[in-house]
N, C-alpha and C. Protein backbone atom coordinates (compact mmCIF):
# COMPACT_ATOMS: atom_id res chain seq x y z
N MET A 1 3.42 37.11 10.82
CA MET A 1 3.61 37.83 9.59
C MET A 1 2.26 37.96 8.89
N THR A 2 1.99 39.12 8.39
CA THR A 2 0.74 39.38 7.70
C THR A 2 0.82 38.87 6.27
N ALA A 3 -0.24 38.23 5.81
CA ALA A 3 -0.28 37.72 4.44
C ALA A 3 -0.37 38.87 3.45
N MET A 4 0.34 38.73 2.36
CA MET A 4 0.33 39.74 1.31
C MET A 4 -0.97 39.60 0.53
N PHE A 5 -1.68 40.70 0.33
CA PHE A 5 -2.90 40.67 -0.46
C PHE A 5 -2.62 41.23 -1.84
N VAL A 6 -2.93 40.46 -2.85
CA VAL A 6 -2.82 40.90 -4.24
C VAL A 6 -4.17 40.68 -4.89
N ASP A 7 -4.72 41.74 -5.43
CA ASP A 7 -5.98 41.62 -6.16
C ASP A 7 -5.69 40.86 -7.45
N PRO A 8 -6.27 39.67 -7.65
CA PRO A 8 -6.00 38.89 -8.86
C PRO A 8 -6.30 39.66 -10.15
N GLY A 9 -7.21 40.62 -10.10
CA GLY A 9 -7.52 41.44 -11.27
C GLY A 9 -6.37 42.35 -11.68
N ARG A 10 -5.42 42.57 -10.77
CA ARG A 10 -4.25 43.41 -11.08
C ARG A 10 -3.17 42.65 -11.83
N LEU A 11 -3.29 41.31 -11.89
CA LEU A 11 -2.36 40.50 -12.69
C LEU A 11 -2.87 40.54 -14.13
N ASN A 12 -2.62 41.67 -14.80
CA ASN A 12 -3.26 41.91 -16.09
C ASN A 12 -2.30 41.99 -17.27
N ALA A 13 -1.04 41.64 -17.07
CA ALA A 13 -0.06 41.64 -18.17
C ALA A 13 0.29 40.19 -18.50
N ARG A 14 0.22 39.86 -19.77
CA ARG A 14 0.54 38.49 -20.21
C ARG A 14 2.03 38.44 -20.55
N LEU A 15 2.76 37.60 -19.83
CA LEU A 15 4.21 37.47 -20.01
C LEU A 15 4.57 36.04 -20.37
N THR A 16 5.75 35.88 -20.94
CA THR A 16 6.31 34.55 -21.09
C THR A 16 7.55 34.47 -20.22
N LEU A 17 7.76 33.33 -19.62
CA LEU A 17 8.93 33.06 -18.79
C LEU A 17 9.89 32.23 -19.62
N GLU A 18 11.16 32.64 -19.66
CA GLU A 18 12.16 31.94 -20.46
C GLU A 18 13.40 31.69 -19.62
N THR A 19 14.10 30.61 -19.95
CA THR A 19 15.35 30.27 -19.28
C THR A 19 16.51 30.56 -20.23
N PRO A 20 17.66 30.97 -19.70
CA PRO A 20 18.78 31.34 -20.57
C PRO A 20 19.38 30.13 -21.27
N PRO A 21 20.10 30.38 -22.37
CA PRO A 21 20.75 29.28 -23.09
C PRO A 21 21.86 28.68 -22.23
N GLU A 22 22.05 27.38 -22.36
CA GLU A 22 23.09 26.70 -21.58
C GLU A 22 23.96 25.81 -22.45
N THR A 23 23.98 26.03 -23.75
CA THR A 23 24.77 25.22 -24.65
C THR A 23 26.17 25.81 -24.78
N ASP A 24 27.19 25.00 -24.55
CA ASP A 24 28.58 25.43 -24.66
C ASP A 24 28.91 25.68 -26.13
N ASP A 25 29.51 26.85 -26.41
CA ASP A 25 29.83 27.17 -27.81
C ASP A 25 31.21 26.68 -28.23
N GLY A 26 31.94 25.99 -27.34
CA GLY A 26 33.24 25.44 -27.68
C GLY A 26 34.38 26.42 -27.52
N GLN A 27 34.08 27.67 -27.18
CA GLN A 27 35.12 28.69 -27.01
C GLN A 27 35.03 29.33 -25.64
N GLY A 28 34.42 28.65 -24.70
CA GLY A 28 34.31 29.17 -23.34
C GLY A 28 33.08 30.01 -23.09
N GLY A 29 32.23 30.15 -24.08
CA GLY A 29 31.01 30.95 -23.93
C GLY A 29 29.77 30.08 -24.00
N ILE A 30 28.65 30.74 -24.10
CA ILE A 30 27.37 30.04 -24.18
C ILE A 30 26.68 30.45 -25.47
N ALA A 31 26.14 29.47 -26.16
CA ALA A 31 25.43 29.72 -27.42
C ALA A 31 24.00 29.22 -27.29
N GLY A 32 23.19 29.64 -28.22
CA GLY A 32 21.81 29.17 -28.22
C GLY A 32 20.84 30.30 -28.02
N ASP A 33 19.60 29.93 -27.80
CA ASP A 33 18.54 30.91 -27.65
C ASP A 33 17.81 30.65 -26.34
N TRP A 34 17.05 31.63 -25.91
CA TRP A 34 16.25 31.49 -24.71
C TRP A 34 15.19 30.41 -24.94
N THR A 35 14.88 29.63 -23.90
CA THR A 35 13.93 28.53 -24.00
C THR A 35 12.64 28.90 -23.27
N PHE A 36 11.52 28.75 -23.96
CA PHE A 36 10.20 29.03 -23.40
C PHE A 36 9.89 28.07 -22.25
N ILE A 37 9.40 28.62 -21.13
CA ILE A 37 8.99 27.80 -19.98
C ILE A 37 7.47 27.84 -19.82
N ALA A 38 6.90 29.05 -19.78
CA ALA A 38 5.46 29.17 -19.53
C ALA A 38 4.96 30.55 -19.93
N ALA A 39 3.67 30.62 -20.21
CA ALA A 39 2.98 31.90 -20.38
C ALA A 39 2.18 32.11 -19.11
N LEU A 40 2.23 33.32 -18.56
CA LEU A 40 1.56 33.57 -17.29
C LEU A 40 1.10 35.02 -17.18
N TRP A 41 0.21 35.23 -16.22
CA TRP A 41 -0.30 36.57 -15.94
C TRP A 41 0.51 37.19 -14.82
N ALA A 42 0.73 38.50 -14.92
CA ALA A 42 1.56 39.18 -13.93
C ALA A 42 1.13 40.64 -13.78
N ARG A 43 1.65 41.24 -12.74
CA ARG A 43 1.51 42.69 -12.53
C ARG A 43 2.90 43.28 -12.70
N ILE A 44 3.02 44.29 -13.55
CA ILE A 44 4.31 44.94 -13.79
C ILE A 44 4.26 46.35 -13.23
N GLU A 45 5.25 46.68 -12.40
CA GLU A 45 5.36 48.02 -11.84
C GLU A 45 6.74 48.58 -12.19
N PRO A 46 6.81 49.56 -13.08
CA PRO A 46 8.11 50.21 -13.33
C PRO A 46 8.54 50.95 -12.07
N LEU A 47 9.83 50.83 -11.73
CA LEU A 47 10.32 51.46 -10.51
C LEU A 47 11.20 52.68 -10.78
N ARG A 48 12.28 52.48 -11.56
CA ARG A 48 13.16 53.61 -11.82
C ARG A 48 13.99 53.35 -13.06
N ALA A 49 14.53 54.44 -13.60
CA ALA A 49 15.45 54.37 -14.73
C ALA A 49 16.66 55.23 -14.40
N VAL A 50 17.83 54.68 -14.62
CA VAL A 50 19.06 55.39 -14.31
C VAL A 50 19.96 55.32 -15.53
N SER A 51 20.45 56.45 -15.96
CA SER A 51 21.38 56.49 -17.08
C SER A 51 22.77 56.11 -16.59
N ALA A 52 23.44 55.22 -17.33
CA ALA A 52 24.77 54.77 -16.94
C ALA A 52 25.61 54.49 -18.17
N GLU A 53 26.92 54.48 -17.97
CA GLU A 53 27.83 54.15 -19.05
C GLU A 53 28.55 52.87 -18.66
N VAL A 54 28.47 51.86 -19.53
CA VAL A 54 29.11 50.58 -19.28
C VAL A 54 29.96 50.25 -20.48
N ALA A 55 31.27 50.10 -20.25
CA ALA A 55 32.22 49.77 -21.32
C ALA A 55 32.11 50.74 -22.49
N GLY A 56 31.92 52.00 -22.18
CA GLY A 56 31.86 53.03 -23.22
C GLY A 56 30.52 53.17 -23.91
N ALA A 57 29.56 52.36 -23.52
CA ALA A 57 28.23 52.43 -24.13
C ALA A 57 27.24 53.04 -23.14
N ASP A 58 26.40 53.93 -23.60
CA ASP A 58 25.38 54.51 -22.75
C ASP A 58 24.21 53.54 -22.61
N LEU A 59 23.82 53.27 -21.37
CA LEU A 59 22.68 52.40 -21.08
C LEU A 59 21.73 53.13 -20.16
N ALA A 60 20.49 52.74 -20.22
CA ALA A 60 19.49 53.28 -19.30
C ALA A 60 18.71 52.11 -18.73
N PRO A 61 19.29 51.40 -17.74
CA PRO A 61 18.57 50.26 -17.18
C PRO A 61 17.30 50.71 -16.46
N VAL A 62 16.21 50.04 -16.78
CA VAL A 62 14.92 50.33 -16.15
C VAL A 62 14.59 49.14 -15.26
N THR A 63 14.29 49.41 -13.99
CA THR A 63 13.96 48.33 -13.08
C THR A 63 12.44 48.22 -12.94
N HIS A 64 11.99 47.00 -12.75
CA HIS A 64 10.57 46.70 -12.63
C HIS A 64 10.37 45.73 -11.48
N ARG A 65 9.22 45.80 -10.86
CA ARG A 65 8.78 44.80 -9.89
C ARG A 65 7.66 44.03 -10.57
N ILE A 66 7.83 42.73 -10.68
CA ILE A 66 6.84 41.88 -11.33
C ILE A 66 6.30 40.89 -10.31
N THR A 67 4.98 40.86 -10.16
CA THR A 67 4.32 39.95 -9.23
C THR A 67 3.58 38.89 -10.04
N ILE A 68 3.82 37.63 -9.70
CA ILE A 68 3.16 36.50 -10.37
C ILE A 68 2.65 35.53 -9.30
N ARG A 69 1.80 34.61 -9.73
CA ARG A 69 1.40 33.54 -8.82
C ARG A 69 2.62 32.65 -8.58
N TYR A 70 2.66 32.02 -7.42
CA TYR A 70 3.83 31.24 -7.02
C TYR A 70 4.13 30.12 -8.02
N ARG A 71 5.41 29.99 -8.33
CA ARG A 71 5.93 28.88 -9.13
C ARG A 71 7.25 28.49 -8.50
N SER A 72 7.52 27.22 -8.41
CA SER A 72 8.77 26.78 -7.78
C SER A 72 9.95 26.78 -8.74
N ASP A 73 9.71 27.01 -10.04
CA ASP A 73 10.80 26.92 -11.02
C ASP A 73 11.34 28.27 -11.46
N VAL A 74 10.96 29.36 -10.84
CA VAL A 74 11.46 30.68 -11.23
C VAL A 74 12.78 30.93 -10.51
N ARG A 75 13.80 31.32 -11.29
CA ARG A 75 15.15 31.51 -10.77
C ARG A 75 15.76 32.82 -11.26
N HIS A 76 16.79 33.24 -10.54
CA HIS A 76 17.60 34.38 -10.94
C HIS A 76 18.18 34.12 -12.34
N ALA A 77 18.31 35.14 -13.15
CA ALA A 77 18.87 35.10 -14.51
C ALA A 77 17.90 34.59 -15.57
N MET A 78 16.72 34.10 -15.19
CA MET A 78 15.69 33.83 -16.19
C MET A 78 15.16 35.18 -16.65
N ARG A 79 14.24 35.18 -17.59
CA ARG A 79 13.66 36.46 -17.99
C ARG A 79 12.19 36.30 -18.33
N PHE A 80 11.50 37.44 -18.20
CA PHE A 80 10.14 37.56 -18.67
C PHE A 80 10.19 38.33 -19.98
N VAL A 81 9.31 38.02 -20.90
CA VAL A 81 9.19 38.79 -22.13
C VAL A 81 7.79 39.37 -22.17
N HIS A 82 7.73 40.69 -22.35
CA HIS A 82 6.46 41.40 -22.42
C HIS A 82 6.54 42.39 -23.56
N ARG A 83 5.70 42.20 -24.55
CA ARG A 83 5.66 43.08 -25.73
C ARG A 83 7.05 43.27 -26.35
N ASN A 84 7.73 42.16 -26.58
CA ASN A 84 9.07 42.13 -27.19
C ASN A 84 10.15 42.80 -26.35
N ARG A 85 9.90 42.97 -25.05
CA ARG A 85 10.91 43.52 -24.14
C ARG A 85 11.36 42.41 -23.20
N GLY A 86 12.66 42.25 -23.07
CA GLY A 86 13.20 41.25 -22.15
C GLY A 86 13.46 41.87 -20.79
N LEU A 87 12.88 41.25 -19.75
CA LEU A 87 13.04 41.72 -18.38
C LEU A 87 13.78 40.63 -17.60
N VAL A 88 15.07 40.81 -17.38
CA VAL A 88 15.91 39.81 -16.74
C VAL A 88 15.68 39.82 -15.23
N ILE A 89 15.47 38.66 -14.65
CA ILE A 89 15.20 38.54 -13.22
C ILE A 89 16.51 38.67 -12.45
N ARG A 90 16.55 39.62 -11.54
CA ARG A 90 17.73 39.85 -10.69
C ARG A 90 17.54 39.28 -9.28
N ALA A 91 16.30 39.21 -8.80
CA ALA A 91 16.02 38.65 -7.48
C ALA A 91 14.59 38.12 -7.46
N VAL A 92 14.38 37.04 -6.71
CA VAL A 92 13.06 36.42 -6.58
C VAL A 92 12.78 36.22 -5.09
N ARG A 93 11.58 36.58 -4.66
CA ARG A 93 11.24 36.36 -3.26
C ARG A 93 9.75 36.05 -3.11
N ASP A 94 9.46 35.27 -2.08
CA ASP A 94 8.09 34.99 -1.66
C ASP A 94 7.84 35.95 -0.51
N PRO A 95 7.10 37.03 -0.73
CA PRO A 95 7.04 38.13 0.24
C PRO A 95 6.52 37.78 1.62
N ASP A 96 5.63 36.81 1.72
CA ASP A 96 5.12 36.45 3.05
C ASP A 96 5.26 34.95 3.33
N GLU A 97 6.08 34.26 2.54
CA GLU A 97 6.36 32.83 2.72
C GLU A 97 5.11 31.96 2.71
N SER A 98 4.09 32.39 1.97
CA SER A 98 2.83 31.63 1.91
C SER A 98 2.71 30.78 0.65
N ARG A 99 3.67 30.93 -0.27
CA ARG A 99 3.65 30.21 -1.55
C ARG A 99 2.41 30.55 -2.38
N ARG A 100 1.95 31.80 -2.26
CA ARG A 100 0.83 32.25 -3.08
C ARG A 100 1.31 33.13 -4.23
N TYR A 101 2.29 33.98 -3.96
CA TYR A 101 2.80 34.91 -4.97
C TYR A 101 4.32 34.96 -4.91
N LEU A 102 4.92 35.35 -6.03
CA LEU A 102 6.34 35.65 -6.09
C LEU A 102 6.49 37.09 -6.55
N VAL A 103 7.46 37.78 -5.99
CA VAL A 103 7.80 39.12 -6.42
C VAL A 103 9.20 39.04 -7.01
N CYS A 104 9.33 39.47 -8.26
CA CYS A 104 10.61 39.40 -8.96
C CYS A 104 11.09 40.83 -9.25
N ASP A 105 12.33 41.11 -8.87
CA ASP A 105 12.96 42.36 -9.23
C ASP A 105 13.67 42.13 -10.55
N CYS A 106 13.29 42.90 -11.57
CA CYS A 106 13.79 42.68 -12.92
C CYS A 106 14.44 43.94 -13.47
N GLU A 107 15.26 43.73 -14.50
CA GLU A 107 15.93 44.85 -15.13
C GLU A 107 15.84 44.72 -16.64
N GLU A 108 15.53 45.83 -17.26
CA GLU A 108 15.47 45.92 -18.72
C GLU A 108 16.50 46.94 -19.15
N ASN A 109 17.43 46.54 -19.99
CA ASN A 109 18.44 47.46 -20.48
C ASN A 109 18.01 48.04 -21.82
N ARG A 110 17.94 49.33 -21.87
CA ARG A 110 17.57 50.02 -23.10
C ARG A 110 18.74 50.89 -23.55
N PRO A 111 19.09 50.82 -24.82
CA PRO A 111 20.18 51.68 -25.30
C PRO A 111 19.76 53.13 -25.35
């Protein structure tokens, strides 16, 4: 397998990584706020935007590919925050299994 090459200078967006709230609200739901994990550098690539209707509301989910240096604590359902935009992680992969970089497929829902 060929190693993935990422120019470190292309990791030029400053993001924060956050984990979702996990406090039980006593009514079967989850309460609380997102918890800060780390500030890191990343490359953000917008991929596509598709207009959709969910439960009667119009949404335009925008998908992004975010590349970061490898971290073992990044999981599905966490989110990155960039310029007050929440980018929820839908999938995480190590593209060449070298533990150098992670590629995260993320989604941002915009009304």
